[in-house]
N, C-alpha and C. Protein backbone atom coordinates (compact mmCIF):
# COMPACT_ATOMS: atom_id res chain seq x y z
N UNK A 1 -8.97 -30.68 -3.42
CA UNK A 1 -8.19 -30.98 -2.49
C UNK A 1 -7.30 -30.07 -1.98
N UNK A 2 -7.17 -29.80 -0.72
CA UNK A 2 -6.40 -28.36 -0.03
C UNK A 2 -4.87 -28.93 -0.44
N UNK A 3 -4.23 -27.99 -0.30
CA UNK A 3 -2.87 -27.86 -0.02
C UNK A 3 -2.34 -27.29 1.30
N UNK A 4 -1.36 -28.16 1.81
CA UNK A 4 -1.13 -27.63 3.28
C UNK A 4 0.59 -27.16 3.46
N UNK A 5 1.15 -26.24 3.64
CA UNK A 5 2.16 -25.74 3.38
C UNK A 5 2.74 -26.17 4.99
N UNK A 6 3.71 -27.08 5.04
CA UNK A 6 4.30 -27.49 6.29
C UNK A 6 5.16 -26.50 6.84
N UNK A 7 6.16 -25.93 5.75
CA UNK A 7 7.12 -25.33 5.99
C UNK A 7 6.52 -23.96 6.79
N UNK A 8 5.54 -23.33 6.54
CA UNK A 8 4.92 -22.51 7.44
C UNK A 8 4.67 -22.73 8.71
N UNK A 9 3.70 -23.79 9.01
CA UNK A 9 3.69 -24.42 10.12
C UNK A 9 4.80 -24.76 11.00
N UNK A 10 5.99 -25.02 10.46
CA UNK A 10 7.11 -25.32 10.94
C UNK A 10 8.01 -24.03 11.34
N UNK A 11 7.34 -22.87 11.08
CA UNK A 11 7.97 -21.42 11.32
C UNK A 11 9.16 -21.54 10.31
N UNK A 12 9.20 -22.06 9.38
CA UNK A 12 10.37 -21.45 8.45
C UNK A 12 10.11 -20.60 7.29
N UNK A 13 8.49 -20.46 7.14
CA UNK A 13 8.18 -19.38 5.92
C UNK A 13 7.53 -18.02 6.48
N UNK A 14 7.91 -17.91 8.09
CA UNK A 14 7.16 -16.69 8.74
C UNK A 14 7.95 -15.72 8.27
N UNK A 15 9.42 -15.35 8.27
CA UNK A 15 10.24 -14.28 8.08
C UNK A 15 9.94 -13.81 6.62
N UNK A 16 9.56 -14.36 5.67
CA UNK A 16 9.33 -13.80 4.32
C UNK A 16 8.20 -13.47 4.25
N UNK A 17 7.23 -13.70 5.10
CA UNK A 17 5.75 -12.93 4.89
C UNK A 17 5.74 -11.63 5.66
N UNK A 18 6.74 -11.60 6.61
CA UNK A 18 6.63 -10.76 7.75
C UNK A 18 7.52 -9.44 6.76
N UNK A 19 8.47 -9.81 6.28
CA UNK A 19 9.35 -8.75 5.23
C UNK A 19 8.84 -8.40 3.98
N UNK A 20 7.81 -9.23 3.69
CA UNK A 20 7.01 -8.75 2.35
C UNK A 20 6.11 -7.78 3.11
N UNK A 21 5.28 -8.10 4.21
CA UNK A 21 4.17 -7.22 4.63
C UNK A 21 5.28 -5.78 5.08
N UNK A 22 6.08 -5.62 5.75
CA UNK A 22 7.07 -4.49 6.24
C UNK A 22 7.33 -3.95 4.64
N UNK A 23 7.94 -4.27 3.56
CA UNK A 23 8.05 -3.51 2.27
C UNK A 23 6.71 -3.04 1.92
N UNK A 24 5.68 -3.76 1.94
CA UNK A 24 4.37 -2.83 1.22
C UNK A 24 4.09 -1.78 2.71
N UNK A 25 4.10 -1.90 3.90
CA UNK A 25 4.14 -0.73 4.82
C UNK A 25 4.80 0.23 4.54
N UNK A 26 6.24 0.26 3.83
CA UNK A 26 7.13 1.14 3.81
C UNK A 26 6.86 1.68 2.26
N UNK A 27 6.12 0.88 1.43
CA UNK A 27 6.37 1.42 -0.26
C UNK A 27 5.76 2.26 -0.65
N UNK A 28 5.73 3.39 -1.77
CA UNK A 28 4.76 4.14 -2.30
C UNK A 28 4.59 3.67 -3.35
N UNK A 29 3.56 3.81 -4.17
CA UNK A 29 3.10 3.24 -5.65
C UNK A 29 3.77 4.14 -6.54
N UNK A 30 3.87 3.84 -7.57
CA UNK A 30 4.35 4.55 -8.81
C UNK A 30 3.54 6.03 -9.00
N UNK A 31 2.05 5.86 -8.67
CA UNK A 31 1.56 7.37 -8.77
C UNK A 31 1.85 8.28 -7.70
N UNK A 32 1.97 7.53 -6.55
CA UNK A 32 2.36 8.43 -5.73
C UNK A 32 3.87 9.21 -5.40
N UNK A 33 4.60 8.16 -6.05
CA UNK A 33 5.86 8.74 -6.16
C UNK A 33 6.13 9.95 -7.21
N UNK A 34 4.97 10.05 -8.43
CA UNK A 34 4.94 11.02 -9.22
C UNK A 34 4.72 11.96 -8.47
N UNK A 35 3.73 12.02 -7.86
CA UNK A 35 2.92 13.18 -7.03
C UNK A 35 4.26 13.83 -6.07
N UNK A 36 5.12 13.09 -5.33
CA UNK A 36 6.15 13.39 -4.93
C UNK A 36 7.24 14.30 -5.58
N UNK A 37 7.42 13.69 -6.52
CA UNK A 37 8.26 14.27 -7.75
C UNK A 37 7.60 15.94 -8.03
N UNK A 38 6.31 15.68 -8.21
CA UNK A 38 5.63 17.06 -8.82
C UNK A 38 5.87 17.98 -7.89
N UNK A 39 5.62 17.59 -6.59
CA UNK A 39 5.45 18.68 -5.53
C UNK A 39 7.11 19.51 -5.13
N UNK A 40 8.14 18.51 -5.92
CA UNK A 40 9.11 19.41 -5.75
C UNK A 40 9.25 20.52 -6.40
N UNK A 41 8.45 21.05 -7.40
CA UNK A 41 7.91 22.45 -7.73
C UNK A 41 7.20 23.23 -7.41
N UNK A 42 6.29 22.44 -6.58
CA UNK A 42 5.28 23.48 -5.93
C UNK A 42 6.28 24.15 -4.75
N UNK A 43 5.80 25.32 -4.27
CA UNK A 43 6.14 26.21 -3.41
C UNK A 43 5.16 26.17 -1.97
N UNK A 44 5.62 26.34 -0.60
CA UNK A 44 5.05 26.58 0.49
C UNK A 44 3.39 27.17 0.02
N UNK A 45 3.68 28.38 -0.63
CA UNK A 45 2.13 28.93 -1.21
C UNK A 45 1.10 28.08 -1.25
N UNK A 46 1.60 26.83 -2.41
CA UNK A 46 0.66 26.18 -2.68
C UNK A 46 -0.20 25.39 -1.66
N UNK A 47 0.30 25.17 -0.18
CA UNK A 47 -0.44 24.63 0.46
C UNK A 47 -1.35 25.36 1.41
N UNK A 48 -0.99 26.61 1.13
CA UNK A 48 -1.85 27.79 2.33
C UNK A 48 -3.10 27.98 1.42
N UNK A 49 -4.07 28.05 2.35
CA UNK A 49 -5.30 28.82 1.57
C UNK A 49 -5.21 30.10 1.00
N UNK A 50 -5.81 30.39 0.15
CA UNK A 50 -5.76 31.89 -0.47
C UNK A 50 -5.92 32.93 0.21
N UNK A 51 -5.35 33.67 0.35
CA UNK A 51 -5.82 34.98 1.13
C UNK A 51 -6.35 36.37 0.32
N UNK A 52 -6.69 37.13 0.91
CA UNK A 52 -7.44 38.33 0.34
C UNK A 52 -6.48 38.74 -0.86
N UNK A 53 -5.02 39.22 -0.44
CA UNK A 53 -4.03 39.79 -1.33
C UNK A 53 -3.71 38.73 -2.58
N UNK A 54 -3.56 37.72 -2.34
CA UNK A 54 -3.39 36.48 -3.31
C UNK A 54 -4.58 36.38 -4.55
N UNK A 55 -5.62 36.68 -4.01
CA UNK A 55 -6.60 36.65 -4.90
C UNK A 55 -6.67 38.05 -5.33
N UNK A 56 -6.54 38.85 -5.29
CA UNK A 56 -6.56 40.23 -5.78
C UNK A 56 -5.52 40.12 -6.75
N UNK A 57 -4.13 39.69 -6.18
CA UNK A 57 -3.12 39.82 -7.23
C UNK A 57 -3.29 38.55 -8.24
N UNK A 58 -4.10 38.07 -8.24
CA UNK A 58 -4.75 36.98 -9.36
C UNK A 58 -5.50 37.67 -10.30
N UNK A 59 -6.22 38.42 -9.55
CA UNK A 59 -7.41 39.07 -10.17
C UNK A 59 -6.86 40.37 -11.12
N UNK A 60 -5.70 41.04 -10.81
CA UNK A 60 -5.41 41.86 -11.49
C UNK A 60 -4.14 41.39 -12.40
N UNK A 61 -3.34 40.24 -12.09
CA UNK A 61 -2.22 40.27 -13.21
C UNK A 61 -2.83 38.80 -13.74
N UNK A 62 -3.96 38.12 -13.32
CA UNK A 62 -4.24 36.95 -13.78
C UNK A 62 -3.78 35.82 -13.54
N UNK A 63 -4.18 34.86 -14.05
CA UNK A 63 -3.45 33.42 -13.68
C UNK A 63 -4.54 32.59 -12.93
N UNK A 64 -4.24 31.28 -12.89
CA UNK A 64 -5.28 30.35 -12.29
C UNK A 64 -4.65 30.01 -11.02
N UNK A 65 -5.80 30.05 -10.00
CA UNK A 65 -5.41 29.74 -8.61
C UNK A 65 -4.78 28.21 -8.64
N UNK A 66 -4.02 27.79 -7.38
CA UNK A 66 -3.60 26.19 -7.58
C UNK A 66 -4.48 25.55 -6.80
N UNK A 67 -5.02 24.50 -7.51
CA UNK A 67 -6.26 23.97 -7.02
C UNK A 67 -5.68 22.63 -6.31
N UNK A 68 -6.26 22.19 -5.50
CA UNK A 68 -5.60 21.03 -4.75
C UNK A 68 -6.10 19.61 -5.74
N UNK A 69 -5.37 18.41 -5.57
CA UNK A 69 -5.70 17.20 -6.26
C UNK A 69 -6.93 16.78 -5.77
N UNK A 70 -7.54 16.32 -6.87
CA UNK A 70 -8.94 15.44 -6.27
C UNK A 70 -9.19 14.57 -5.65
N UNK A 71 -7.89 13.82 -5.47
CA UNK A 71 -7.87 12.68 -4.40
C UNK A 71 -7.09 13.17 -3.25
N UNK A 72 -8.21 13.01 -1.88
CA UNK A 72 -7.59 13.51 -0.71
C UNK A 72 -6.48 12.81 -0.31
N UNK A 73 -6.50 11.67 -0.27
CA UNK A 73 -5.07 10.95 -0.01
C UNK A 73 -3.77 11.31 -0.71
N UNK A 74 -4.00 11.71 -2.10
CA UNK A 74 -2.97 12.41 -2.81
C UNK A 74 -2.68 13.58 -2.38
N UNK A 75 -3.64 14.53 -2.43
CA UNK A 75 -3.44 15.56 -1.84
C UNK A 75 -2.87 15.84 -0.81
N UNK A 76 -3.00 15.11 0.36
CA UNK A 76 -2.30 14.92 1.70
C UNK A 76 -0.58 14.60 1.29
N UNK A 77 -0.54 13.71 0.49
CA UNK A 77 0.88 13.31 0.22
C UNK A 77 1.46 14.45 -0.44
N UNK A 78 0.83 15.14 -1.21
CA UNK A 78 1.30 16.29 -2.18
C UNK A 78 1.72 17.64 -0.88
N UNK A 79 0.98 17.88 -0.22
CA UNK A 79 1.16 18.87 1.04
C UNK A 79 2.38 18.21 1.62
N UNK A 80 2.33 16.95 2.02
CA UNK A 80 3.68 16.54 2.97
C UNK A 80 4.85 16.57 2.11
N UNK A 81 4.88 16.37 1.18
CA UNK A 81 6.08 16.34 0.27
C UNK A 81 6.16 17.72 -0.10
N UNK A 82 5.54 18.72 -0.43
CA UNK A 82 5.95 20.17 -0.35
C UNK A 82 6.44 20.42 0.82
N UNK A 83 6.12 20.23 1.86
CA UNK A 83 6.67 20.48 3.25
C UNK A 83 8.22 19.82 3.60
N UNK A 84 8.33 18.72 2.82
CA UNK A 84 9.61 17.79 3.14
C UNK A 84 10.65 18.60 2.11
N UNK A 85 9.94 18.90 0.83
CA UNK A 85 11.13 19.38 -0.14
C UNK A 85 11.66 20.90 0.28
N UNK A 86 10.66 21.72 1.01
CA UNK A 86 10.91 23.17 1.42
C UNK A 86 11.21 23.32 2.43
N UNK A 87 11.37 22.10 3.29
CA UNK A 87 11.66 22.80 5.17
C UNK A 87 12.90 22.49 5.26
N UNK A 88 13.45 23.27 6.03
CA UNK A 88 14.90 22.99 6.34
C UNK A 88 14.98 22.51 7.49
N UNK A 89 13.95 22.74 8.74
CA UNK A 89 13.55 22.09 9.86
C UNK A 89 12.60 20.82 9.94
N UNK A 90 12.67 20.08 11.02
CA UNK A 90 12.16 18.90 11.03
C UNK A 90 10.27 19.36 10.92
N UNK A 91 9.58 18.37 10.30
CA UNK A 91 8.11 18.91 9.74
C UNK A 91 7.37 18.68 11.31
N UNK A 92 6.64 19.31 11.37
CA UNK A 92 5.77 19.28 12.62
C UNK A 92 4.86 18.58 12.98
N UNK A 93 4.77 18.22 13.88
CA UNK A 93 3.72 16.80 14.42
C UNK A 93 2.61 16.93 13.88
N UNK A 94 2.09 18.05 14.00
CA UNK A 94 0.44 18.45 13.43
C UNK A 94 0.50 17.97 11.72
N UNK A 95 1.39 18.13 11.12
CA UNK A 95 1.49 18.20 9.40
C UNK A 95 1.76 16.47 9.51
N UNK A 96 2.52 15.91 10.52
CA UNK A 96 2.62 14.45 10.24
C UNK A 96 1.52 13.62 10.54
N UNK A 97 0.67 14.46 11.38
CA UNK A 97 -0.44 13.57 12.05
C UNK A 97 -1.57 13.49 10.85
N UNK A 98 -1.53 14.65 10.11
CA UNK A 98 -2.73 14.91 9.19
C UNK A 98 -2.44 14.07 7.80
N UNK A 99 -0.89 13.68 7.69
CA UNK A 99 -0.35 12.82 6.44
C UNK A 99 -0.65 11.28 7.30
N UNK A 100 -0.55 11.10 8.39
CA UNK A 100 -0.79 9.73 9.07
C UNK A 100 -2.48 9.41 8.80
N UNK A 101 -3.40 10.40 9.06
CA UNK A 101 -4.73 10.57 9.24
C UNK A 101 -5.46 10.29 7.66
N UNK A 102 -4.28 10.48 6.86
CA UNK A 102 -4.66 10.44 5.41
C UNK A 102 -4.68 8.79 4.87
N UNK A 103 -3.79 8.19 5.93
CA UNK A 103 -4.19 6.68 5.52
C UNK A 103 -2.80 6.13 5.18
N UNK A 104 -1.51 6.83 5.34
CA UNK A 104 0.03 6.46 5.07
C UNK A 104 0.44 5.87 6.53
N UNK A 105 1.49 5.44 6.23
CA UNK A 105 2.01 4.46 7.85
C UNK A 105 3.19 5.34 8.04
N UNK A 106 3.72 5.13 9.17
CA UNK A 106 4.81 5.78 9.63
C UNK A 106 6.20 5.27 8.66
N UNK A 107 6.08 4.35 7.91
CA UNK A 107 7.26 3.80 7.61
C UNK A 107 7.01 4.25 6.44
N UNK A 108 6.15 4.76 5.40
CA UNK A 108 5.73 5.39 4.29
C UNK A 108 6.41 6.86 4.32
N UNK A 109 5.91 7.76 5.71
CA UNK A 109 6.53 8.80 6.25
C UNK A 109 8.17 8.79 6.17
N UNK A 110 8.80 7.78 6.48
CA UNK A 110 10.05 7.91 6.72
C UNK A 110 10.87 7.41 5.22
N UNK A 111 10.07 6.61 4.61
CA UNK A 111 10.44 6.30 3.31
C UNK A 111 10.70 7.65 2.55
N UNK A 112 9.56 8.66 2.69
CA UNK A 112 9.69 9.77 1.82
C UNK A 112 10.57 10.85 2.49
N UNK A 113 10.66 10.88 3.58
CA UNK A 113 11.54 11.98 3.92
C UNK A 113 12.98 11.58 3.81
N UNK A 114 13.51 10.41 3.91
CA UNK A 114 14.68 9.75 3.22
C UNK A 114 15.04 10.12 2.05
N UNK A 115 14.05 9.61 1.44
CA UNK A 115 14.04 10.12 -0.20
C UNK A 115 14.48 11.79 -0.57
N UNK A 116 13.40 12.34 0.17
CA UNK A 116 13.67 13.78 -0.37
C UNK A 116 15.11 14.37 0.38
N UNK A 117 15.47 13.66 1.67
CA UNK A 117 16.69 13.94 2.13
C UNK A 117 17.82 13.93 1.26
N UNK A 118 17.85 12.65 0.87
CA UNK A 118 18.73 11.92 -0.11
C UNK A 118 18.73 12.91 -1.56
N UNK A 119 17.79 13.14 -2.26
CA UNK A 119 17.76 14.17 -3.18
C UNK A 119 18.18 15.23 -3.15
N UNK A 120 17.84 16.09 -1.88
CA UNK A 120 18.18 17.39 -1.65
C UNK A 120 19.77 17.64 -1.55
N UNK A 121 20.30 16.36 -0.94
CA UNK A 121 21.76 16.53 -0.54
C UNK A 121 22.52 16.29 -1.78
N UNK A 122 21.81 15.55 -2.92
CA UNK A 122 22.52 15.43 -4.23
C UNK A 122 22.73 16.67 -5.13
N UNK A 123 21.36 17.63 -4.76
CA UNK A 123 21.10 18.65 -5.78
C UNK A 123 22.37 19.57 -5.31
N UNK A 124 22.45 20.49 -6.65
CA UNK A 124 23.70 21.60 -6.73
C UNK A 124 23.03 22.62 -5.52
N UNK A 125 24.00 23.17 -4.89
CA UNK A 125 23.64 23.98 -3.82
C UNK A 125 22.60 25.10 -4.23
N UNK A 126 22.70 25.68 -5.20
CA UNK A 126 21.64 26.98 -5.80
C UNK A 126 20.04 26.07 -5.91
N UNK A 127 19.82 25.05 -6.15
CA UNK A 127 18.47 24.31 -6.07
C UNK A 127 17.90 23.74 -4.69
N UNK A 128 18.97 23.83 -3.74
CA UNK A 128 18.63 23.36 -2.25
C UNK A 128 17.47 24.37 -1.67
N UNK A 129 16.52 23.91 -1.17
CA UNK A 129 15.48 24.90 -0.37
C UNK A 129 15.89 24.96 1.08
């Protein structure tokens, strides 16, 4: 026996469904939030490819190179979050497009940027980037 919800057909249940879809489109998962938190400690050098001098310095001084995350989507999130944490200017459109191409939505972009902006505003002055 099938169940038919007449409230949805009457237009009474449409708004909560649309609101739930909007929340999902702007939300980040707990794993994604942990990547954003970890990206706060990374510098801009972690998102650039290693050049000759940096490889030579690692060879002489020792140390392991910064390896990207194994999941390409999470690596795109980490790179975008590093830019958000370290940039005092708006993020370039090509970086935003790379973030969106990784499967994130415009709502998730704004959620991440507003979170980072609020956290930077609350941080003591010496810890601001």
